[in-house]
């Protein structure tokens, strides 16, 4: 969807902002440009909508060389979200959101209807927030309006320049996840600038790590963290890149162990005997349809004195995550609940448990898979849990 072919930008004073960039952003992909201040990442993004003109090379959007496109018309078909939002203070939220459709000649009722749809999509009730002015909104709400405005004319391409940098850390984290949920629905081709490697890792399908005017590595978040291409990239992503990689490594069914299970309506005495025979001290408690209910210890079942059912002695499962959640989420649950393992569910059904040893193994498999270009389940190594 967006292609750079040997693109350079040299200013009249001889300063080279970007030098010979060649890369491609696929349709529906979110690519993050990350690097220190002054490395050329914002210049790269601004050349896509011709706010900055390249000195040499070609940029194609949708297969078309943008040098032959009227810059004003080009910008009206590319969404643009900036850190300070840039809303018109004298216009209502609804009219701000309808700005680009109005410039494209849409009839006012249609433009406002589209604006209301987008406000609702970003979590702002148009009946409540539409009549307000930007000064009446919080920073996070203004940022949502900025995203809605950028999407209002349904552009195929979205440019985002440090879009979450002007809000507090809690709001920033929430906005990031909300945007990822939104992107899963709208599937725009997104080029996003950030200086924060953790944000780049969380948001990007792929990451372009910038040195001075050049891309040092262009790869998946996992590959950048697990196998940095150069010493510069390794230094930039940090010595704690293994911990950062927990955020982008997803839990797969093959990572799970299968512990003893007991059914809610099973007699307590029978379950206790079965656990003792197996040498197990606890079991996961499931409902009749395989749904996760909780857990129970062998001691609790034995103290029932042969009376009642497993459900009478079961305890709530505090530490659990869904299949596909990042390893970081599972690790956080272990720490928060002082748990030796977390339950993993697929919908409501129990899928298995993730232990610290299996979490470590999943991380190692992920790193090795990226290094050798193979699937995680093809990686072979001696596991601590096999010892």
Protein backbone atom coordinates (compact mmCIF):
# COMPACT_ATOMS: atom_id res chain seq x y z
CA UNK A 1 0.00 0.00 0.00
CA UNK A 2 2.88 2.40 0.86
CA UNK A 3 6.23 1.88 -0.85
CA UNK A 4 9.46 3.83 -0.51
CA UNK A 5 11.99 3.39 -3.32
CA UNK A 6 15.43 4.85 -2.58
CA UNK A 7 13.93 7.96 -0.98
CA UNK A 8 16.24 10.66 0.38
CA UNK A 9 15.67 14.09 1.86
CA UNK A 10 18.56 16.57 1.88
CA UNK A 11 17.95 20.14 3.07
CA UNK A 12 19.56 23.22 1.44
CA UNK A 13 22.14 23.47 4.23
CA UNK A 14 23.36 19.97 3.37
CA UNK A 15 21.66 18.16 6.26
CA UNK A 16 20.54 14.68 5.25
CA UNK A 17 17.30 13.82 7.07
CA UNK A 18 16.76 10.43 5.42
CA UNK A 19 19.09 8.57 3.09
CA UNK A 20 18.07 5.96 0.52
CA UNK A 21 15.01 4.55 2.29
CA UNK A 22 13.41 1.49 0.67
CA UNK A 23 10.64 -0.35 2.46
CA UNK A 24 6.98 -1.27 2.06
CA UNK A 25 3.94 -1.14 4.33
CA UNK A 26 1.46 -3.82 3.34
CA UNK A 27 -2.26 -3.18 3.09
CA UNK A 28 -3.94 -3.36 6.50
CA UNK A 29 -0.59 -3.39 8.31
CA UNK A 30 0.46 -1.14 11.19
CA UNK A 31 4.13 -0.25 10.97
CA UNK A 32 5.85 1.75 13.69
CA UNK A 33 8.84 3.98 13.00
CA UNK A 34 10.95 4.19 16.14
CA UNK A 35 14.20 5.89 16.95
CA UNK A 36 15.78 8.81 18.82
CA UNK A 37 14.89 12.46 18.15
CA UNK A 38 16.25 13.78 14.86
CA UNK A 39 16.71 10.38 13.22
CA UNK A 40 14.33 11.08 10.32
CA UNK A 41 11.24 9.10 11.28
CA UNK A 42 8.83 12.09 11.27
CA UNK A 43 10.35 13.32 8.01
CA UNK A 44 9.66 9.88 6.53
CA UNK A 45 6.01 9.99 7.56
CA UNK A 46 5.45 13.58 6.41
CA UNK A 47 6.76 12.75 2.94
CA UNK A 48 3.84 10.33 2.51
CA UNK A 49 1.30 13.17 2.49
CA UNK A 50 3.79 15.61 0.90
CA UNK A 51 4.02 17.96 3.85
CA UNK A 52 7.71 17.44 3.10
CA UNK A 53 8.90 16.77 -0.45
CA UNK A 54 11.64 14.16 -1.00
CA UNK A 55 14.85 15.20 -2.71
CA UNK A 56 15.11 11.94 -4.64
CA UNK A 57 13.45 8.56 -5.00
CA UNK A 58 9.78 7.62 -5.28
CA UNK A 59 6.92 7.10 -2.84
CA UNK A 60 3.92 5.12 -4.03
CA UNK A 61 0.55 4.91 -2.29
CA UNK A 62 -1.80 2.29 -3.64
CA UNK A 63 0.59 1.78 -6.55
CA UNK A 64 0.48 5.44 -7.58
CA UNK A 65 3.52 7.73 -7.55
CA UNK A 66 2.38 10.55 -5.27
CA UNK A 67 4.68 13.09 -6.92
CA UNK A 68 2.08 13.38 -9.67
CA UNK A 69 -0.89 13.82 -7.31
CA UNK A 70 -2.22 17.20 -6.19
CA UNK A 71 -0.98 17.56 -2.58
CA UNK A 72 -4.31 18.90 -1.26
CA UNK A 73 -6.28 16.05 -2.81
CA UNK A 74 -3.68 13.57 -1.56
CA UNK A 75 -4.00 14.79 2.03
CA UNK A 76 -7.78 14.55 1.96
CA UNK A 77 -7.55 10.82 1.29
CA UNK A 78 -4.93 10.16 3.98
CA UNK A 79 -5.87 10.32 7.65
CA UNK A 80 -3.48 12.24 9.90
CA UNK A 81 -3.31 12.08 13.71
CA UNK A 82 -0.82 14.22 15.64
CA UNK A 83 0.19 14.44 19.29
CA UNK A 84 -1.55 17.75 20.01
CA UNK A 85 -4.68 16.66 18.08
CA UNK A 86 -5.20 20.06 16.38
CA UNK A 87 -8.96 20.36 16.83
CA UNK A 88 -10.63 23.64 15.90
CA UNK A 89 -11.51 25.24 19.27
CA UNK A 90 -14.53 27.18 17.95
CA UNK A 91 -16.22 24.16 16.36
CA UNK A 92 -18.18 21.41 18.09
CA UNK A 93 -16.81 17.91 18.40
CA UNK A 94 -19.28 16.69 15.77
CA UNK A 95 -18.27 19.40 13.29
CA UNK A 96 -14.57 18.81 13.99
CA UNK A 97 -15.03 15.14 13.18
CA UNK A 98 -16.91 15.97 9.97
CA UNK A 99 -14.17 18.32 8.71
CA UNK A 100 -12.67 16.18 5.94
CA UNK A 101 -15.98 14.81 4.58
CA UNK A 102 -17.19 18.43 4.37
CA UNK A 103 -14.04 19.44 2.47
CA UNK A 104 -14.66 16.55 0.08
CA UNK A 105 -18.07 17.98 -0.73
CA UNK A 106 -20.28 15.64 1.28
CA UNK A 107 -23.74 16.99 2.09
CA UNK A 108 -23.88 18.25 5.68
CA UNK A 109 -26.38 15.62 6.94
CA UNK A 110 -24.27 12.80 5.48
CA UNK A 111 -21.03 14.25 6.89
CA UNK A 112 -22.58 14.62 10.34
CA UNK A 113 -24.04 11.13 10.22
CA UNK A 114 -20.59 9.71 9.40
CA UNK A 115 -19.04 11.81 12.19
CA UNK A 116 -21.56 10.45 14.69
CA UNK A 117 -20.75 6.87 13.60
CA UNK A 118 -17.03 7.44 14.13
CA UNK A 119 -17.49 9.09 17.53
CA UNK A 120 -19.48 6.08 18.62
CA UNK A 121 -16.78 3.76 17.23
CA UNK A 122 -14.08 5.45 19.36
CA UNK A 123 -16.25 5.22 22.47
CA UNK A 124 -17.73 8.73 22.61
CA UNK A 125 -21.53 8.97 22.64
CA UNK A 126 -22.31 11.47 19.85
CA UNK A 127 -25.43 12.65 21.68
CA UNK A 128 -23.34 13.53 24.73
CA UNK A 129 -20.03 14.66 23.22
CA UNK A 130 -21.06 15.82 19.74
CA UNK A 131 -22.38 19.26 20.87
CA UNK A 132 -19.39 19.96 23.12
CA UNK A 133 -16.32 21.99 22.23
CA UNK A 134 -12.72 20.68 22.53
CA UNK A 135 -12.07 22.70 25.70
CA UNK A 136 -14.82 20.70 27.44
CA UNK A 137 -13.03 17.38 26.83
CA UNK A 138 -10.21 15.60 28.64
CA UNK A 139 -6.90 15.01 26.88
CA UNK A 140 -7.80 11.40 26.19
CA UNK A 141 -11.20 12.36 24.80
CA UNK A 142 -9.65 14.95 22.49
CA UNK A 143 -7.23 12.31 21.24
CA UNK A 144 -10.14 10.00 20.44
CA UNK A 145 -11.82 12.80 18.50
CA UNK A 146 -8.58 13.26 16.56
CA UNK A 147 -8.62 9.59 15.58
CA UNK A 148 -12.31 9.77 14.65
CA UNK A 149 -11.67 12.84 12.49
CA UNK A 150 -8.80 11.10 10.70
CA UNK A 151 -11.05 8.12 9.90
CA UNK A 152 -14.19 10.08 8.96
CA UNK A 153 -13.69 10.02 5.19
CA UNK A 154 -12.70 6.32 5.35
CA UNK A 155 -9.10 6.83 4.12
CA UNK A 156 -7.12 3.73 3.19
CA UNK A 157 -3.97 5.14 4.83
CA UNK A 158 -3.55 6.59 8.31
CA UNK A 159 -0.48 8.52 9.49
CA UNK A 160 0.07 8.90 13.24
CA UNK A 161 2.78 11.13 14.73
CA UNK A 162 3.34 10.40 18.44
CA UNK A 163 -0.46 10.17 18.79
CA UNK A 164 -0.56 9.23 22.48
CA UNK A 165 2.34 11.29 23.76
CA UNK A 166 0.37 14.24 25.16
CA UNK A 167 -1.67 12.33 27.75
CA UNK A 168 -0.88 10.79 31.14
CA UNK A 169 0.57 7.25 31.30
CA UNK A 170 -2.68 5.57 32.42
CA UNK A 171 -4.72 7.20 29.66
CA UNK A 172 -1.96 6.48 27.15
CA UNK A 173 -2.00 2.77 27.93
CA UNK A 174 -5.78 2.66 27.60
CA UNK A 175 -5.75 4.58 24.29
CA UNK A 176 -3.14 2.24 22.84
CA UNK A 177 -5.24 -0.83 23.53
CA UNK A 178 -8.42 0.89 22.35
CA UNK A 179 -6.75 1.84 19.09
CA UNK A 180 -5.53 -1.73 18.54
CA UNK A 181 -9.09 -2.96 19.05
CA UNK A 182 -10.29 -0.31 16.59
CA UNK A 183 -7.60 -1.29 14.07
CA UNK A 184 -8.75 -4.91 14.28
CA UNK A 185 -12.13 -3.65 13.05
CA UNK A 186 -11.20 -1.03 10.43
CA UNK A 187 -7.88 -2.55 9.19
CA UNK A 188 -6.29 0.63 7.88
CA UNK A 189 -2.75 0.80 6.55
CA UNK A 190 -1.02 2.71 9.35
CA UNK A 191 2.37 4.37 9.58
CA UNK A 192 3.02 5.45 13.16
CA UNK A 193 5.94 7.46 14.56
CA UNK A 194 7.10 6.95 18.14
CA UNK A 195 10.30 7.32 20.15
CA UNK A 196 9.15 4.70 22.68
CA UNK A 197 10.35 1.16 21.91
CA UNK A 198 7.75 -0.37 24.22
CA UNK A 199 4.97 1.46 22.35
CA UNK A 200 6.48 0.38 19.03
CA UNK A 201 6.55 -3.24 20.19
CA UNK A 202 2.97 -3.14 21.48
CA UNK A 203 1.45 -1.38 18.47
CA UNK A 204 3.38 -2.52 15.42
CA UNK A 205 2.87 -5.52 13.17
CA UNK A 206 6.40 -4.63 12.06
CA UNK A 207 8.93 -2.11 13.37
CA UNK A 208 11.40 0.08 11.50
CA UNK A 209 14.24 0.93 13.88
CA UNK A 210 15.98 4.12 12.75
CA UNK A 211 19.60 5.06 13.13
CA UNK A 212 20.62 8.42 11.69
CA UNK A 213 18.46 8.80 8.59
CA UNK A 214 18.54 5.08 7.81
CA UNK A 215 16.60 2.01 8.88
CA UNK A 216 18.84 -0.32 10.88
CA UNK A 217 16.25 -3.12 11.10
CA UNK A 218 12.77 -3.63 9.66
CA UNK A 219 11.14 -6.70 11.13
CA UNK A 220 8.49 -8.10 13.45
CA UNK A 221 8.55 -6.92 17.09
CA UNK A 222 9.60 -10.37 18.21
CA UNK A 223 12.53 -10.50 15.79
CA UNK A 224 13.73 -7.00 16.71
CA UNK A 225 13.71 -7.91 20.40
CA UNK A 226 14.96 -11.47 20.03
CA UNK A 227 17.54 -11.10 17.28
CA UNK A 228 18.69 -7.48 16.89
CA UNK A 229 20.32 -7.01 13.49
CA UNK A 230 23.11 -4.70 14.67
CA UNK A 231 24.78 -3.63 17.92
CA UNK A 232 22.99 -0.29 17.52
CA UNK A 233 19.56 -1.99 17.51
CA UNK A 234 20.53 -4.15 20.50
CA UNK A 235 21.54 -1.06 22.44
CA UNK A 236 18.45 0.88 21.39
CA UNK A 237 15.93 -1.80 22.40
CA UNK A 238 17.74 -2.22 25.71
CA UNK A 239 19.30 -4.92 27.84
CA UNK A 240 15.83 -5.83 29.09
CA UNK A 241 14.63 -6.77 25.60
CA UNK A 242 13.86 -10.28 26.86
CA UNK A 243 11.30 -8.81 29.25
CA UNK A 244 9.90 -6.59 26.49
CA UNK A 245 9.50 -9.67 24.33
CA UNK A 246 7.03 -11.06 26.85
CA UNK A 247 4.62 -8.41 25.52
CA UNK A 248 4.69 -9.76 21.96
CA UNK A 249 4.90 -13.51 22.57
CA UNK A 250 1.45 -15.05 22.67
CA UNK A 251 0.33 -18.07 24.66
CA UNK A 252 -0.25 -21.06 22.40
CA UNK A 253 -1.97 -24.36 23.32
CA UNK A 254 1.35 -26.19 22.95
CA UNK A 255 2.76 -24.11 25.82
CA UNK A 256 0.31 -25.53 28.35
CA UNK A 257 0.45 -28.35 30.85
CA UNK A 258 -2.55 -30.51 31.69
CA UNK A 259 -3.01 -30.84 35.46
CA UNK A 260 -5.44 -33.15 37.28
CA UNK A 261 -9.07 -32.03 36.98
CA UNK A 262 -12.15 -32.64 39.07
CA UNK A 263 -15.81 -32.04 38.25
CA UNK A 264 -18.11 -29.80 40.25
CA UNK A 265 -20.63 -32.57 40.96
CA UNK A 266 -18.01 -35.27 41.67
CA UNK A 267 -18.10 -36.74 45.20
CA UNK A 268 -15.40 -35.14 47.35
CA UNK A 269 -14.20 -38.46 48.77
CA UNK A 270 -13.71 -40.02 45.33
CA UNK A 271 -11.83 -37.00 44.00
CA UNK A 272 -9.58 -36.93 47.08
CA UNK A 273 -8.65 -40.58 46.65
CA UNK A 274 -7.94 -40.09 42.95
CA UNK A 275 -5.64 -37.14 43.62
CA UNK A 276 -3.72 -38.99 46.32
CA UNK A 277 -3.23 -42.00 44.04
CA UNK A 278 -1.82 -39.69 41.38
CA UNK A 279 0.42 -37.94 43.92
CA UNK A 280 -1.30 -34.61 43.19
CA UNK A 281 -1.97 -31.95 45.83
CA UNK A 282 -4.58 -30.01 43.87
CA UNK A 283 -6.88 -30.12 40.87
CA UNK A 284 -8.56 -27.67 38.53
CA UNK A 285 -12.34 -27.73 38.99
CA UNK A 286 -14.48 -27.80 35.85
CA UNK A 287 -18.18 -27.57 35.15
CA UNK A 288 -20.09 -30.10 33.12
CA UNK A 289 -19.26 -28.38 29.83
CA UNK A 290 -15.54 -28.11 30.55
CA UNK A 291 -15.81 -24.52 31.72
CA UNK A 292 -13.33 -23.29 34.33
CA UNK A 293 -14.86 -23.02 37.78
CA UNK A 294 -11.90 -22.85 40.18
CA UNK A 295 -9.46 -25.14 41.95
CA UNK A 296 -9.42 -27.41 44.96
CA UNK A 297 -6.71 -28.89 47.18
CA UNK A 298 -6.52 -32.56 48.12
CA UNK A 299 -6.44 -31.52 51.79
CA UNK A 300 -9.72 -29.62 51.45
CA UNK A 301 -11.39 -32.63 49.85
CA UNK A 302 -10.14 -34.95 52.61
CA UNK A 303 -11.32 -32.58 55.32
CA UNK A 304 -14.81 -32.92 53.86
CA UNK A 305 -14.81 -36.31 55.57
CA UNK A 306 -16.30 -38.02 52.56
CA UNK A 307 -19.27 -35.68 52.49
CA UNK A 308 -20.50 -33.41 49.71
CA UNK A 309 -19.12 -32.69 46.28
CA UNK A 310 -16.00 -31.10 44.84
CA UNK A 311 -18.02 -27.94 44.22
CA UNK A 312 -18.59 -27.56 47.96
CA UNK A 313 -14.83 -27.26 48.52
CA UNK A 314 -13.72 -25.48 45.36
CA UNK A 315 -12.06 -22.10 45.53
CA UNK A 316 -12.24 -19.23 43.06
CA UNK A 317 -9.58 -19.15 40.33
CA UNK A 318 -7.94 -15.74 40.63
CA UNK A 319 -5.05 -16.15 38.19
CA UNK A 320 -6.25 -16.86 34.65
CA UNK A 321 -5.73 -15.55 31.11
CA UNK A 322 -7.16 -16.36 27.66
CA UNK A 323 -5.35 -18.37 24.99
CA UNK A 324 -3.48 -15.89 22.79
CA UNK A 325 -2.78 -13.44 25.61
CA UNK A 326 0.83 -12.19 25.81
CA UNK A 327 3.20 -13.95 28.17
CA UNK A 328 3.58 -10.63 30.00
CA UNK A 329 -0.08 -10.78 31.03
CA UNK A 330 0.34 -14.30 32.38
CA UNK A 331 3.50 -13.31 34.25
CA UNK A 332 1.70 -10.31 35.75
CA UNK A 333 -1.14 -12.55 36.96
CA UNK A 334 1.36 -14.87 38.63
CA UNK A 335 2.97 -11.96 40.47
CA UNK A 336 -0.27 -10.21 41.38
CA UNK A 337 -1.84 -13.31 42.91
CA UNK A 338 1.40 -14.91 44.18
CA UNK A 339 0.52 -17.94 42.06
CA UNK A 340 2.78 -20.75 40.90
CA UNK A 341 0.82 -21.07 37.66
CA UNK A 342 -2.06 -19.48 35.76
CA UNK A 343 -5.09 -21.16 34.24
CA UNK A 344 -5.61 -20.59 30.50
CA UNK A 345 -9.08 -20.56 28.96
CA UNK A 346 -10.37 -20.74 25.41
CA UNK A 347 -13.61 -18.81 25.68
CA UNK A 348 -15.06 -20.25 28.88
CA UNK A 349 -13.51 -23.70 28.43
CA UNK A 350 -10.40 -24.68 30.33
CA UNK A 351 -7.38 -25.23 28.04
CA UNK A 352 -4.55 -25.96 30.51
CA UNK A 353 -2.16 -24.18 32.84
CA UNK A 354 0.96 -22.12 32.18
CA UNK A 355 3.78 -22.65 34.67
CA UNK A 356 6.93 -20.50 35.06
CA UNK A 357 8.98 -23.24 33.38
CA UNK A 358 6.58 -23.40 30.42
CA UNK A 359 6.51 -19.60 30.18
CA UNK A 360 10.29 -19.57 29.91
CA UNK A 361 10.18 -22.36 27.36
CA UNK A 362 7.61 -20.48 25.25
CA UNK A 363 9.84 -17.39 25.26
CA UNK A 364 12.89 -19.41 24.20
CA UNK A 365 10.94 -21.13 21.43
CA UNK A 366 9.72 -17.78 20.15
CA UNK A 367 13.24 -16.33 20.01
CA UNK A 368 14.66 -19.40 18.27
CA UNK A 369 11.75 -19.55 15.82
CA UNK A 370 12.36 -15.96 14.71
CA UNK A 371 16.11 -16.52 14.49
CA UNK A 372 15.70 -19.53 12.19
CA UNK A 373 12.52 -18.49 10.33
CA UNK A 374 10.48 -21.48 11.50
CA UNK A 375 7.32 -22.07 13.50
CA UNK A 376 7.52 -22.23 17.30
CA UNK A 377 6.42 -25.86 17.39
CA UNK A 378 9.36 -26.80 15.12
CA UNK A 379 11.95 -25.57 17.62
CA UNK A 380 13.76 -28.33 19.51
CA UNK A 381 15.82 -27.88 22.66
CA UNK A 382 16.32 -29.46 26.07
CA UNK A 383 13.63 -28.15 28.41
CA UNK A 384 14.05 -27.57 32.13
CA UNK A 385 10.68 -29.23 32.63
CA UNK A 386 12.00 -32.41 30.95
CA UNK A 387 14.90 -32.77 33.35
